[in-house]
């Protein structure tokens, strides 16, 4: 597999391009597909529409398996508002981002889900203190990075990451997580990623 230097793509350059691209983003929306792989071979799938507006307003509209579930988070009040049923719009819960109800299998809080946080985590992985050199592939449309690094949400674990960065947007569009012995644990895909839509603040309120 080609190395970063041979392609003229140093990790620092890739990270800088992502940071510069994200600095121009005011808001974005994407369809998220998450597959969790269990040890027994079973796979659980999440699908939701993710909407984000700077500085930190987040809305998740679930399609499966909890169709109608909506979670809204705003840094301003520091709480996540959960509306579990579309047919009962006045049933809502105000929860901490650290609530077990809204923390995913990965241990990732809702306030750690935005693209800026992901880019920051990719940067930490690229310059891992564990001494593992990233392996980088370059195609016409994407950059693919593989690196063994400290898990983004569990510091006591080591994870083999695969990041895919779209070269048109210079933003990440896919993440795979594997154990050090290469057992697939989680796949995340950001589909139909749209940026700077002019999303109103009111969209992040019920």
Protein backbone atom coordinates (compact mmCIF):
# COMPACT_ATOMS: atom_id res chain seq x y z
CA UNK A 1 0.00 0.00 0.00
CA UNK A 2 1.47 3.42 -0.90
CA UNK A 3 2.96 5.49 1.89
CA UNK A 4 2.16 9.14 2.58
CA UNK A 5 5.55 10.51 1.55
CA UNK A 6 5.52 8.70 -1.81
CA UNK A 7 2.20 10.32 -2.65
CA UNK A 8 3.31 13.76 -1.52
CA UNK A 9 0.56 13.73 1.13
CA UNK A 10 1.99 14.18 4.59
CA UNK A 11 -0.45 13.58 7.44
CA UNK A 12 -0.07 17.21 8.52
CA UNK A 13 -1.18 18.40 5.06
CA UNK A 14 -4.25 16.17 5.10
CA UNK A 15 -5.23 17.37 8.56
CA UNK A 16 -4.72 21.01 7.56
CA UNK A 17 -6.93 20.61 4.48
CA UNK A 18 -9.73 19.13 6.60
CA UNK A 19 -9.41 21.86 9.23
CA UNK A 20 -9.49 24.60 6.58
CA UNK A 21 -12.50 23.05 4.88
CA UNK A 22 -14.39 22.66 8.14
CA UNK A 23 -13.62 26.27 9.09
CA UNK A 24 -15.78 27.31 6.10
CA UNK A 25 -18.71 25.16 7.22
CA UNK A 26 -21.57 26.99 8.95
CA UNK A 27 -23.98 24.04 9.02
CA UNK A 28 -24.39 20.62 7.45
CA UNK A 29 -26.80 17.72 7.10
CA UNK A 30 -26.08 14.08 6.35
CA UNK A 31 -27.70 10.65 6.43
CA UNK A 32 -25.78 8.50 8.90
CA UNK A 33 -25.52 4.73 8.72
CA UNK A 34 -23.93 2.96 11.70
CA UNK A 35 -23.30 -0.78 11.87
CA UNK A 36 -22.20 -2.32 15.19
CA UNK A 37 -20.64 -5.78 14.90
CA UNK A 38 -20.98 -8.03 17.95
CA UNK A 39 -18.61 -10.86 18.89
CA UNK A 40 -21.23 -13.50 18.14
CA UNK A 41 -21.54 -12.27 14.55
CA UNK A 42 -24.76 -10.29 14.93
CA UNK A 43 -24.96 -6.79 13.49
CA UNK A 44 -27.14 -3.94 14.75
CA UNK A 45 -27.89 -1.07 12.38
CA UNK A 46 -28.76 2.56 13.11
CA UNK A 47 -30.00 5.02 10.50
CA UNK A 48 -30.66 8.67 11.24
CA UNK A 49 -30.48 12.11 9.69
CA UNK A 50 -27.87 14.26 11.42
CA UNK A 51 -28.12 18.05 11.30
CA UNK A 52 -25.51 20.37 12.78
CA UNK A 53 -25.10 24.14 13.04
CA UNK A 54 -22.19 25.97 14.57
CA UNK A 55 -21.27 26.63 17.28
CA UNK A 56 -22.89 23.44 18.56
CA UNK A 57 -26.51 22.73 17.74
CA UNK A 58 -27.31 19.11 16.92
CA UNK A 59 -30.43 17.29 15.82
CA UNK A 60 -30.82 13.55 15.18
CA UNK A 61 -33.95 12.27 13.42
CA UNK A 62 -33.98 8.47 13.63
CA UNK A 63 -35.26 6.31 10.78
CA UNK A 64 -34.41 2.89 12.23
CA UNK A 65 -34.73 1.06 14.45
CA UNK A 66 -36.52 3.81 16.43
CA UNK A 67 -38.43 5.64 13.72
CA UNK A 68 -39.81 8.92 15.02
CA UNK A 69 -37.23 9.32 17.81
CA UNK A 70 -35.69 12.81 17.77
CA UNK A 71 -32.81 14.05 19.92
CA UNK A 72 -31.82 17.72 20.01
CA UNK A 73 -28.74 19.04 21.77
CA UNK A 74 -27.60 22.63 22.23
CA UNK A 75 -24.38 23.73 23.88
CA UNK A 76 -26.28 26.76 25.18
CA UNK A 77 -28.25 24.76 27.73
CA UNK A 78 -26.00 21.71 27.87
CA UNK A 79 -28.92 19.29 27.77
CA UNK A 80 -30.26 16.82 25.24
CA UNK A 81 -34.01 16.96 24.67
CA UNK A 82 -35.43 13.59 23.64
CA UNK A 83 -38.80 13.19 21.94
CA UNK A 84 -39.29 9.41 21.71
CA UNK A 85 -42.52 9.31 19.69
CA UNK A 86 -43.67 11.38 16.71
CA UNK A 87 -47.30 10.59 17.63
CA UNK A 88 -46.80 12.03 21.15
CA UNK A 89 -45.01 15.33 20.45
CA UNK A 90 -45.41 16.66 23.99
CA UNK A 91 -43.67 13.66 25.59
CA UNK A 92 -40.09 14.85 26.06
CA UNK A 93 -37.17 14.12 28.33
CA UNK A 94 -34.32 16.47 29.26
CA UNK A 95 -31.15 14.46 29.75
CA UNK A 96 -27.45 15.01 30.32
CA UNK A 97 -25.23 14.21 27.30
CA UNK A 98 -23.67 11.55 29.55
CA UNK A 99 -26.99 9.76 30.06
CA UNK A 100 -26.82 6.04 29.24
CA UNK A 101 -30.02 6.47 27.25
CA UNK A 102 -28.28 8.50 24.55
CA UNK A 103 -24.70 7.24 24.70
CA UNK A 104 -24.02 4.83 21.86
CA UNK A 105 -22.33 1.44 21.93
CA UNK A 106 -19.01 3.19 21.42
CA UNK A 107 -19.31 5.33 24.55
CA UNK A 108 -19.66 8.42 22.34
CA UNK A 109 -21.76 11.27 23.78
CA UNK A 110 -24.06 13.33 21.58
CA UNK A 111 -21.81 16.36 22.10
CA UNK A 112 -18.91 14.35 20.60
CA UNK A 113 -20.63 13.54 17.31
CA UNK A 114 -19.97 16.58 15.12
CA UNK A 115 -17.57 16.71 12.18
CA UNK A 116 -15.23 19.09 14.01
CA UNK A 117 -14.78 16.57 16.83
CA UNK A 118 -14.16 13.80 14.30
CA UNK A 119 -11.48 15.82 12.52
CA UNK A 120 -9.83 16.56 15.86
CA UNK A 121 -9.87 12.85 16.68
CA UNK A 122 -8.40 11.97 13.28
CA UNK A 123 -5.60 14.41 14.01
CA UNK A 124 -4.85 12.67 17.30
CA UNK A 125 -4.81 9.32 15.51
CA UNK A 126 -2.50 10.57 12.77
CA UNK A 127 0.03 11.71 15.33
CA UNK A 128 -0.51 8.88 17.77
CA UNK A 129 1.86 8.58 20.69
CA UNK A 130 1.77 4.82 20.28
CA UNK A 131 4.28 5.06 17.46
CA UNK A 132 2.15 3.60 14.69
CA UNK A 133 2.67 5.19 11.28
CA UNK A 134 -0.49 5.90 9.27
CA UNK A 135 -0.83 4.19 5.90
CA UNK A 136 -2.41 6.43 3.28
CA UNK A 137 -3.98 5.66 -0.10
CA UNK A 138 -4.80 8.38 -2.59
CA UNK A 139 -7.38 8.07 -5.37
CA UNK A 140 -9.04 10.63 -7.63
CA UNK A 141 -11.96 11.10 -5.28
CA UNK A 142 -10.82 10.17 -1.78
CA UNK A 143 -8.00 9.80 0.71
CA UNK A 144 -8.02 6.59 2.76
CA UNK A 145 -6.08 6.40 6.02
CA UNK A 146 -5.40 3.34 8.16
CA UNK A 147 -3.78 3.75 11.56
CA UNK A 148 -3.58 1.95 14.89
CA UNK A 149 -4.24 4.48 17.65
CA UNK A 150 -5.77 5.13 21.03
CA UNK A 151 -9.53 4.68 20.87
CA UNK A 152 -11.29 8.04 20.55
CA UNK A 153 -13.68 7.34 23.43
CA UNK A 154 -11.94 4.64 25.50
CA UNK A 155 -8.37 5.61 26.37
CA UNK A 156 -7.59 2.15 27.70
CA UNK A 157 -8.19 0.58 24.26
CA UNK A 158 -6.28 0.49 21.00
CA UNK A 159 -8.31 0.66 17.79
CA UNK A 160 -7.36 0.12 14.16
CA UNK A 161 -9.06 2.99 12.33
CA UNK A 162 -9.87 3.45 8.68
CA UNK A 163 -10.86 6.99 7.67
CA UNK A 164 -12.14 7.98 4.24
CA UNK A 165 -11.92 11.67 3.31
CA UNK A 166 -13.81 13.07 0.33
CA UNK A 167 -11.43 15.14 -1.82
CA UNK A 168 -14.19 17.39 -3.17
CA UNK A 169 -15.36 18.52 0.27
CA UNK A 170 -12.14 17.61 2.13
CA UNK A 171 -14.29 16.23 4.93
CA UNK A 172 -14.48 12.68 6.35
CA UNK A 173 -17.29 10.52 4.95
CA UNK A 174 -16.54 7.10 6.47
CA UNK A 175 -14.96 5.56 9.56
CA UNK A 176 -14.29 1.90 10.31
CA UNK A 177 -13.15 0.66 13.72
CA UNK A 178 -11.42 -2.68 14.27
CA UNK A 179 -9.71 -4.38 17.17
CA UNK A 180 -5.89 -4.72 17.00
CA UNK A 181 -6.40 -8.26 15.64
CA UNK A 182 -8.57 -6.75 12.87
CA UNK A 183 -12.01 -7.78 14.06
CA UNK A 184 -14.53 -5.27 12.68
CA UNK A 185 -16.41 -3.48 15.47
CA UNK A 186 -18.14 -0.47 13.95
CA UNK A 187 -18.74 1.11 10.53
CA UNK A 188 -19.98 4.69 10.10
CA UNK A 189 -21.01 6.22 6.77
CA UNK A 190 -21.96 9.85 6.16
CA UNK A 191 -24.15 9.78 3.06
CA UNK A 192 -25.47 12.71 1.02
CA UNK A 193 -23.38 15.18 3.04
CA UNK A 194 -24.62 18.73 2.35
CA UNK A 195 -22.99 21.84 3.78
CA UNK A 196 -23.97 25.49 4.30
CA UNK A 197 -27.70 25.06 3.79
CA UNK A 198 -28.66 28.10 5.86
CA UNK A 199 -30.46 26.03 8.50
CA UNK A 200 -32.52 28.16 10.91
CA UNK A 201 -31.93 28.03 14.66
CA UNK A 202 -35.61 27.15 15.09
CA UNK A 203 -34.94 23.72 13.55
CA UNK A 204 -33.10 22.84 16.75
CA UNK A 205 -36.13 23.49 18.94
CA UNK A 206 -39.32 21.47 19.33
